[in-house]
Amino acid sequence: MAPWLFHRISGIVLIPLMVFKLYTGLAITRDLPGAGCDMKALHCGTPTVDKLLLFFLVFHVLYGVRLVLIDLGIKWDRLLFWLATILGVVIFGGSYWYLFTG
């Protein structure tokens, strides 16, 4: 139940995060309404948004694959949960280290 609920909530959270990143990214390269001259600072200066986006995206994808496999008839719910969680921690940790440190 928890992975299913997290998958739904993360999908909802990803929408405003993606809209924010796309809008600020487009505002840098194009003349968009409401885009001031500080859009580059807003787009590049928000590591918290980037970290949240990475976290929710990794786990949303992995729990989504888990749900598809369960829908296809695989009965190993608990094993799939732990595999998705461990793989998510490894992918997130590695990506976090590569992107946000040094």
C-alpha atoms as a PDB file:
ATOM      1  CA  MET A   1       0.000   0.000   0.000  1.00  0.00           C
ATOM      2  CA  ALA A   2       2.782   2.470   0.859  1.00  0.00           C
ATOM      3  CA  PRO A   3       4.565   2.218  -2.536  1.00  0.00           C
ATOM      4  CA  TRP A   4       1.265   2.621  -4.357  1.00  0.00           C
ATOM      5  CA  LEU A   5       0.438   5.728  -2.314  1.00  0.00           C
ATOM      6  CA  PHE A   6       3.956   7.148  -2.716  1.00  0.00           C
ATOM      7  CA  HIS A   7       3.724   6.591  -6.473  1.00  0.00           C
ATOM      8  CA  ARG A   8       0.496   8.615  -6.649  1.00  0.00           C
ATOM      9  CA  ILE A   9       1.753  11.418  -4.403  1.00  0.00           C
ATOM     10  CA  SER A  10       5.101  11.651  -6.201  1.00  0.00           C
ATOM     11  CA  GLY A  11       3.272  11.984  -9.512  1.00  0.00           C
ATOM     12  CA  ILE A  12       1.383  14.956  -8.136  1.00  0.00           C
ATOM     13  CA  VAL A  13       4.541  16.516  -6.672  1.00  0.00           C
ATOM     14  CA  LEU A  14       6.474  16.038  -9.927  1.00  0.00           C
ATOM     15  CA  ILE A  15       4.013  18.179 -11.902  1.00  0.00           C
ATOM     16  CA  PRO A  16       4.813  21.572 -10.275  1.00  0.00           C
ATOM     17  CA  LEU A  17       8.520  20.718 -10.012  1.00  0.00           C
ATOM     18  CA  MET A  18       8.704  19.936 -13.740  1.00  0.00           C
ATOM     19  CA  VAL A  19       6.648  23.007 -14.644  1.00  0.00           C
ATOM     20  CA  PHE A  20       8.992  25.190 -12.585  1.00  0.00           C
ATOM     21  CA  LYS A  21      12.148  23.754 -14.177  1.00  0.00           C
ATOM     22  CA  LEU A  22      10.716  23.888 -17.704  1.00  0.00           C
ATOM     23  CA  TYR A  23       9.375  27.429 -17.356  1.00  0.00           C
ATOM     24  CA  THR A  24      12.543  28.854 -15.862  1.00  0.00           C
ATOM     25  CA  GLY A  25      14.647  27.001 -18.432  1.00  0.00           C
ATOM     26  CA  LEU A  26      12.579  28.313 -21.313  1.00  0.00           C
ATOM     27  CA  ALA A  27      12.566  31.806 -19.840  1.00  0.00           C
ATOM     28  CA  ILE A  28      16.344  31.850 -20.074  1.00  0.00           C
ATOM     29  CA  THR A  29      16.336  31.172 -23.817  1.00  0.00           C
ATOM     30  CA  ARG A  30      13.081  32.823 -24.927  1.00  0.00           C
ATOM     31  CA  ASP A  31      11.094  35.939 -24.171  1.00  0.00           C
ATOM     32  CA  LEU A  32       8.307  34.581 -21.973  1.00  0.00           C
ATOM     33  CA  PRO A  33       5.693  36.708 -20.214  1.00  0.00           C
ATOM     34  CA  GLY A  34       6.556  37.414 -16.613  1.00  0.00           C
ATOM     35  CA  ALA A  35      10.170  36.370 -17.042  1.00  0.00           C
ATOM     36  CA  GLY A  36      12.537  38.861 -15.504  1.00  0.00           C
ATOM     37  CA  CYS A  37      16.266  39.152 -15.979  1.00  0.00           C
ATOM     38  CA  ASP A  38      16.907  37.009 -12.889  1.00  0.00           C
ATOM     39  CA  MET A  39      15.459  33.802 -14.396  1.00  0.00           C
ATOM     40  CA  LYS A  40      18.911  32.295 -14.880  1.00  0.00           C
ATOM     41  CA  ALA A  41      19.653  32.771 -11.193  1.00  0.00           C
ATOM     42  CA  LEU A  42      16.285  31.270 -10.310  1.00  0.00           C
ATOM     43  CA  HIS A  43      16.755  28.296 -12.643  1.00  0.00           C
ATOM     44  CA  CYS A  44      20.352  27.523 -11.711  1.00  0.00           C
ATOM     45  CA  GLY A  45      20.222  28.669  -8.111  1.00  0.00           C
ATOM     46  CA  THR A  46      17.635  26.202  -6.812  1.00  0.00           C
ATOM     47  CA  PRO A  47      19.507  23.047  -5.778  1.00  0.00           C
ATOM     48  CA  THR A  48      16.662  22.063  -3.443  1.00  0.00           C
ATOM     49  CA  VAL A  49      14.266  21.838  -6.374  1.00  0.00           C
ATOM     50  CA  ASP A  50      16.826  19.815  -8.319  1.00  0.00           C
ATOM     51  CA  LYS A  51      17.312  17.400  -5.423  1.00  0.00           C
ATOM     52  CA  LEU A  52      13.573  16.978  -4.907  1.00  0.00           C
ATOM     53  CA  LEU A  53      13.081  16.447  -8.620  1.00  0.00           C
ATOM     54  CA  LEU A  54      15.777  13.771  -8.688  1.00  0.00           C
ATOM     55  CA  PHE A  55      14.418  12.005  -5.591  1.00  0.00           C
ATOM     56  CA  PHE A  56      10.793  11.927  -6.701  1.00  0.00           C
ATOM     57  CA  LEU A  57      11.639  11.033 -10.294  1.00  0.00           C
ATOM     58  CA  VAL A  58      13.836   8.051  -9.360  1.00  0.00           C
ATOM     59  CA  PHE A  59      11.348   6.544  -6.941  1.00  0.00           C
ATOM     60  CA  HIS A  60       8.322   7.355  -9.108  1.00  0.00           C
ATOM     61  CA  VAL A  61       9.840   5.482 -12.043  1.00  0.00           C
ATOM     62  CA  LEU A  62      10.950   2.468  -9.993  1.00  0.00           C
ATOM     63  CA  TYR A  63       7.663   2.113  -8.128  1.00  0.00           C
ATOM     64  CA  GLY A  64       5.857   2.538 -11.447  1.00  0.00           C
ATOM     65  CA  VAL A  65       7.832  -0.360 -12.927  1.00  0.00           C
ATOM     66  CA  ARG A  66       6.972  -2.353  -9.805  1.00  0.00           C
ATOM     67  CA  LEU A  67       3.264  -1.632 -10.305  1.00  0.00           C
ATOM     68  CA  VAL A  68       3.428  -2.662 -13.973  1.00  0.00           C
ATOM     69  CA  LEU A  69       5.109  -5.936 -13.049  1.00  0.00           C
ATOM     70  CA  ILE A  70       2.442  -6.632 -10.435  1.00  0.00           C
ATOM     71  CA  ASP A  71      -0.276  -5.836 -13.003  1.00  0.00           C
ATOM     72  CA  LEU A  72       1.362  -8.328 -15.367  1.00  0.00           C
ATOM     73  CA  GLY A  73       0.888 -11.033 -12.757  1.00  0.00           C
ATOM     74  CA  ILE A  74       4.145 -11.236 -10.850  1.00  0.00           C
ATOM     75  CA  LYS A  75       3.207 -12.181  -7.284  1.00  0.00           C
ATOM     76  CA  TRP A  76       6.390 -11.116  -5.483  1.00  0.00           C
ATOM     77  CA  ASP A  77       5.028  -7.863  -4.067  1.00  0.00           C
ATOM     78  CA  ARG A  78       7.335  -7.641  -1.071  1.00  0.00           C
ATOM     79  CA  LEU A  79      10.449  -8.623  -3.047  1.00  0.00           C
ATOM     80  CA  LEU A  80       9.647  -6.087  -5.778  1.00  0.00           C
ATOM     81  CA  PHE A  81       9.143  -3.409  -3.131  1.00  0.00           C
ATOM     82  CA  TRP A  82      12.540  -4.050  -1.558  1.00  0.00           C
ATOM     83  CA  LEU A  83      14.282  -4.324  -4.930  1.00  0.00           C
ATOM     84  CA  ALA A  84      12.768  -1.022  -6.083  1.00  0.00           C
ATOM     85  CA  THR A  85      13.605   0.671  -2.782  1.00  0.00           C
ATOM     86  CA  ILE A  86      17.203  -0.548  -2.634  1.00  0.00           C
ATOM     87  CA  LEU A  87      17.780   0.220  -6.312  1.00  0.00           C
ATOM     88  CA  GLY A  88      16.206   3.656  -5.795  1.00  0.00           C
ATOM     89  CA  VAL A  89      18.498   4.435  -2.869  1.00  0.00           C
ATOM     90  CA  VAL A  90      21.541   3.335  -4.877  1.00  0.00           C
ATOM     91  CA  ILE A  91      20.527   5.315  -7.993  1.00  0.00           C
ATOM     92  CA  PHE A  92      19.563   8.403  -5.990  1.00  0.00           C
ATOM     93  CA  GLY A  93      22.713   8.237  -3.865  1.00  0.00           C
ATOM     94  CA  GLY A  94      24.975   7.812  -6.874  1.00  0.00           C
ATOM     95  CA  SER A  95      23.238  10.546  -8.835  1.00  0.00           C
ATOM     96  CA  TYR A  96      23.265  12.881  -5.844  1.00  0.00           C
ATOM     97  CA  TRP A  97      26.979  12.303  -5.337  1.00  0.00           C
ATOM     98  CA  TYR A  98      27.756  12.787  -9.039  1.00  0.00           C
ATOM     99  CA  LEU A  99      25.564  15.862  -9.562  1.00  0.00           C
ATOM    100  CA  PHE A 100      25.717  17.766  -6.281  1.00  0.00           C
ATOM    101  CA  THR A 101      29.121  17.118  -4.734  1.00  0.00           C
ATOM    102  CA  GLY A 102      32.462  18.426  -5.905  1.00  0.00           C
END
